[in-house]
C-alpha atoms as a PDB file:
ATOM      1  CA  MET A   1      20.054  50.152   8.476  1.00  0.00           C
ATOM      2  CA  PHE A   2      17.239  48.107   6.947  1.00  0.00           C
ATOM      3  CA  LYS A   3      15.408  45.412   8.844  1.00  0.00           C
ATOM      4  CA  GLN A   4      15.508  42.009   7.284  1.00  0.00           C
ATOM      5  CA  LEU A   5      12.239  40.136   7.173  1.00  0.00           C
ATOM      6  CA  SER A   6      11.897  36.422   6.798  1.00  0.00           C
ATOM      7  CA  ILE A   7      10.242  35.322   3.599  1.00  0.00           C
ATOM      8  CA  THR A   8       7.393  33.894   5.645  1.00  0.00           C
ATOM      9  CA  ALA A   9       6.709  37.239   7.314  1.00  0.00           C
ATOM     10  CA  MET A  10       6.877  38.981   3.945  1.00  0.00           C
ATOM     11  CA  ILE A  11       4.356  36.535   2.469  1.00  0.00           C
ATOM     12  CA  TRP A  12       2.007  37.069   5.431  1.00  0.00           C
ATOM     13  CA  ILE A  13       2.140  40.804   4.925  1.00  0.00           C
ATOM     14  CA  LEU A  14       1.810  40.636   1.145  1.00  0.00           C
ATOM     15  CA  THR A  15      -1.121  38.215   1.224  1.00  0.00           C
ATOM     16  CA  GLY A  16      -3.059  40.215   3.776  1.00  0.00           C
ATOM     17  CA  LEU A  17      -2.713  37.846   6.708  1.00  0.00           C
ATOM     18  CA  LEU A  18      -1.549  40.901   8.619  1.00  0.00           C
ATOM     19  CA  SER A  19      -3.373  44.160   8.210  1.00  0.00           C
ATOM     20  CA  PRO A  20      -1.557  46.829   6.183  1.00  0.00           C
ATOM     21  CA  ALA A  21      -1.412  49.060   9.250  1.00  0.00           C
ATOM     22  CA  ALA A  22       0.276  46.326  11.288  1.00  0.00           C
ATOM     23  CA  GLY A  23       2.678  45.553   8.456  1.00  0.00           C
ATOM     24  CA  MET A  24       3.771  49.093   7.676  1.00  0.00           C
ATOM     25  CA  GLU A  25       5.330  49.662  11.080  1.00  0.00           C
ATOM     26  CA  ARG A  26       7.813  46.899  10.231  1.00  0.00           C
ATOM     27  CA  PHE A  27       9.061  48.624   7.098  1.00  0.00           C
ATOM     28  CA  GLU A  28      11.305  51.554   6.409  1.00  0.00           C
ATOM     29  CA  ILE A  29      10.529  53.840   3.501  1.00  0.00           C
ATOM     30  CA  MET A  30      13.599  54.657   1.417  1.00  0.00           C
ATOM     31  CA  THR A  31      14.306  57.442  -0.994  1.00  0.00           C
ATOM     32  CA  THR A  32      15.235  57.013  -4.620  1.00  0.00           C
ATOM     33  CA  GLN A  33      18.739  58.204  -3.747  1.00  0.00           C
ATOM     34  CA  GLU A  34      19.075  55.540  -1.050  1.00  0.00           C
ATOM     35  CA  LEU A  35      17.964  52.854  -3.505  1.00  0.00           C
ATOM     36  CA  HIS A  36      20.473  54.076  -6.117  1.00  0.00           C
ATOM     37  CA  HIS A  37      23.188  53.737  -3.476  1.00  0.00           C
ATOM     38  CA  LEU A  38      22.089  50.186  -2.582  1.00  0.00           C
ATOM     39  CA  LEU A  39      21.927  49.197  -6.246  1.00  0.00           C
ATOM     40  CA  ALA A  40      25.502  50.449  -6.728  1.00  0.00           C
ATOM     41  CA  GLU A  41      26.604  48.426  -3.692  1.00  0.00           C
ATOM     42  CA  ARG A  42      24.869  45.341  -5.094  1.00  0.00           C
ATOM     43  CA  GLU A  43      26.527  45.807  -8.483  1.00  0.00           C
ATOM     44  CA  ALA A  44      29.929  46.127  -6.773  1.00  0.00           C
ATOM     45  CA  GLY A  45      29.287  42.860  -4.899  1.00  0.00           C
ATOM     46  CA  GLU A  46      29.194  44.605  -1.516  1.00  0.00           C
ATOM     47  CA  LEU A  47      25.532  43.897  -0.737  1.00  0.00           C
ATOM     48  CA  ASP A  48      23.051  41.201  -1.664  1.00  0.00           C
ATOM     49  CA  PHE A  49      19.312  41.819  -1.769  1.00  0.00           C
ATOM     50  CA  ILE A  50      16.237  41.048  -3.826  1.00  0.00           C
ATOM     51  CA  LEU A  51      14.457  43.964  -5.465  1.00  0.00           C
ATOM     52  CA  VAL A  52      10.791  43.129  -6.045  1.00  0.00           C
ATOM     53  CA  ASN A  53       8.451  45.062  -8.306  1.00  0.00           C
ATOM     54  CA  THR A  54       4.934  44.435  -6.958  1.00  0.00           C
ATOM     55  CA  LEU A  55       3.017  45.834  -9.920  1.00  0.00           C
ATOM     56  CA  ASP A  56       1.107  43.921 -12.569  1.00  0.00           C
ATOM     57  CA  GLY A  57       3.258  42.055 -15.103  1.00  0.00           C
ATOM     58  CA  LEU A  58       2.311  44.346 -17.985  1.00  0.00           C
ATOM     59  CA  ILE A  59       3.415  47.426 -16.056  1.00  0.00           C
ATOM     60  CA  TYR A  60       6.590  45.612 -14.956  1.00  0.00           C
ATOM     61  CA  GLU A  61       7.490  44.904 -18.595  1.00  0.00           C
ATOM     62  CA  HIS A  62       7.449  48.621 -19.410  1.00  0.00           C
ATOM     63  CA  HIS A  63       8.347  50.307 -16.109  1.00  0.00           C
ATOM     64  CA  SER A  64      10.749  48.425 -13.889  1.00  0.00           C
ATOM     65  CA  ILE A  65      14.120  48.940 -12.289  1.00  0.00           C
ATOM     66  CA  PRO A  66      16.773  46.793 -13.988  1.00  0.00           C
ATOM     67  CA  GLY A  67      17.659  43.811 -11.843  1.00  0.00           C
ATOM     68  CA  SER A  68      14.261  43.632 -10.171  1.00  0.00           C
ATOM     69  CA  ILE A  69      11.949  40.649 -10.226  1.00  0.00           C
ATOM     70  CA  ASN A  70       8.186  40.805 -10.621  1.00  0.00           C
ATOM     71  CA  ILE A  71       5.859  39.462  -7.936  1.00  0.00           C
ATOM     72  CA  PRO A  72       2.512  41.269  -8.194  1.00  0.00           C
ATOM     73  CA  TRP A  73       0.699  41.653  -4.865  1.00  0.00           C
ATOM     74  CA  SER A  74      -2.177  39.568  -6.181  1.00  0.00           C
ATOM     75  CA  ARG A  75       0.117  36.642  -7.106  1.00  0.00           C
ATOM     76  CA  VAL A  76       2.387  36.389  -4.055  1.00  0.00           C
ATOM     77  CA  PRO A  77       1.172  32.905  -3.040  1.00  0.00           C
ATOM     78  CA  ASP A  78       1.866  31.586  -6.560  1.00  0.00           C
ATOM     79  CA  LEU A  79       5.216  33.316  -7.114  1.00  0.00           C
ATOM     80  CA  ALA A  80       6.823  33.372  -3.651  1.00  0.00           C
ATOM     81  CA  ASP A  81       9.405  30.811  -4.786  1.00  0.00           C
ATOM     82  CA  ARG A  82      11.011  33.606  -6.847  1.00  0.00           C
ATOM     83  CA  LEU A  83      12.333  34.989  -3.547  1.00  0.00           C
ATOM     84  CA  GLY A  84      14.699  32.035  -3.199  1.00  0.00           C
ATOM     85  CA  ALA A  85      15.546  29.845  -0.244  1.00  0.00           C
ATOM     86  CA  ASP A  86      17.730  32.297   1.723  1.00  0.00           C
ATOM     87  CA  ARG A  87      15.517  33.377   4.626  1.00  0.00           C
ATOM     88  CA  GLU A  88      17.960  36.086   5.777  1.00  0.00           C
ATOM     89  CA  ARG A  89      18.336  37.907   2.461  1.00  0.00           C
ATOM     90  CA  LEU A  90      17.122  41.520   2.408  1.00  0.00           C
ATOM     91  CA  ILE A  91      13.961  42.039   0.346  1.00  0.00           C
ATOM     92  CA  ILE A  92      13.141  45.495  -1.000  1.00  0.00           C
ATOM     93  CA  THR A  93       9.751  45.987  -2.618  1.00  0.00           C
ATOM     94  CA  TYR A  94       8.565  48.852  -4.765  1.00  0.00           C
ATOM     95  CA  CYS A  95       5.492  49.886  -6.691  1.00  0.00           C
ATOM     96  CA  MET A  96       4.044  53.201  -7.854  1.00  0.00           C
ATOM     97  CA  GLY A  97       4.696  54.943  -4.548  1.00  0.00           C
ATOM     98  CA  TYR A  98       3.555  55.229  -0.977  1.00  0.00           C
ATOM     99  CA  ARG A  99      -0.088  56.117  -0.330  1.00  0.00           C
END
């Protein structure tokens, strides 16, 4: 259902090495309902993924989905190690919405 991206590809996209237009065609937009379903599957141990909040740390502290980690877009090069070593693990990012 969801394409898995290598961490390297994700870092390229997040750091601007690929243009946003080129990067967006590689992603699928999901609904809140779909994310709720995936979170339930993760909690039941049926699915493993990383949920990344890409907003500033201050916003993350007050408005984040439980179980997410914070890697602001502007700090991806410094914080990419938070994604772990598993290059096949699904990464789902979220922010304030699609524009």
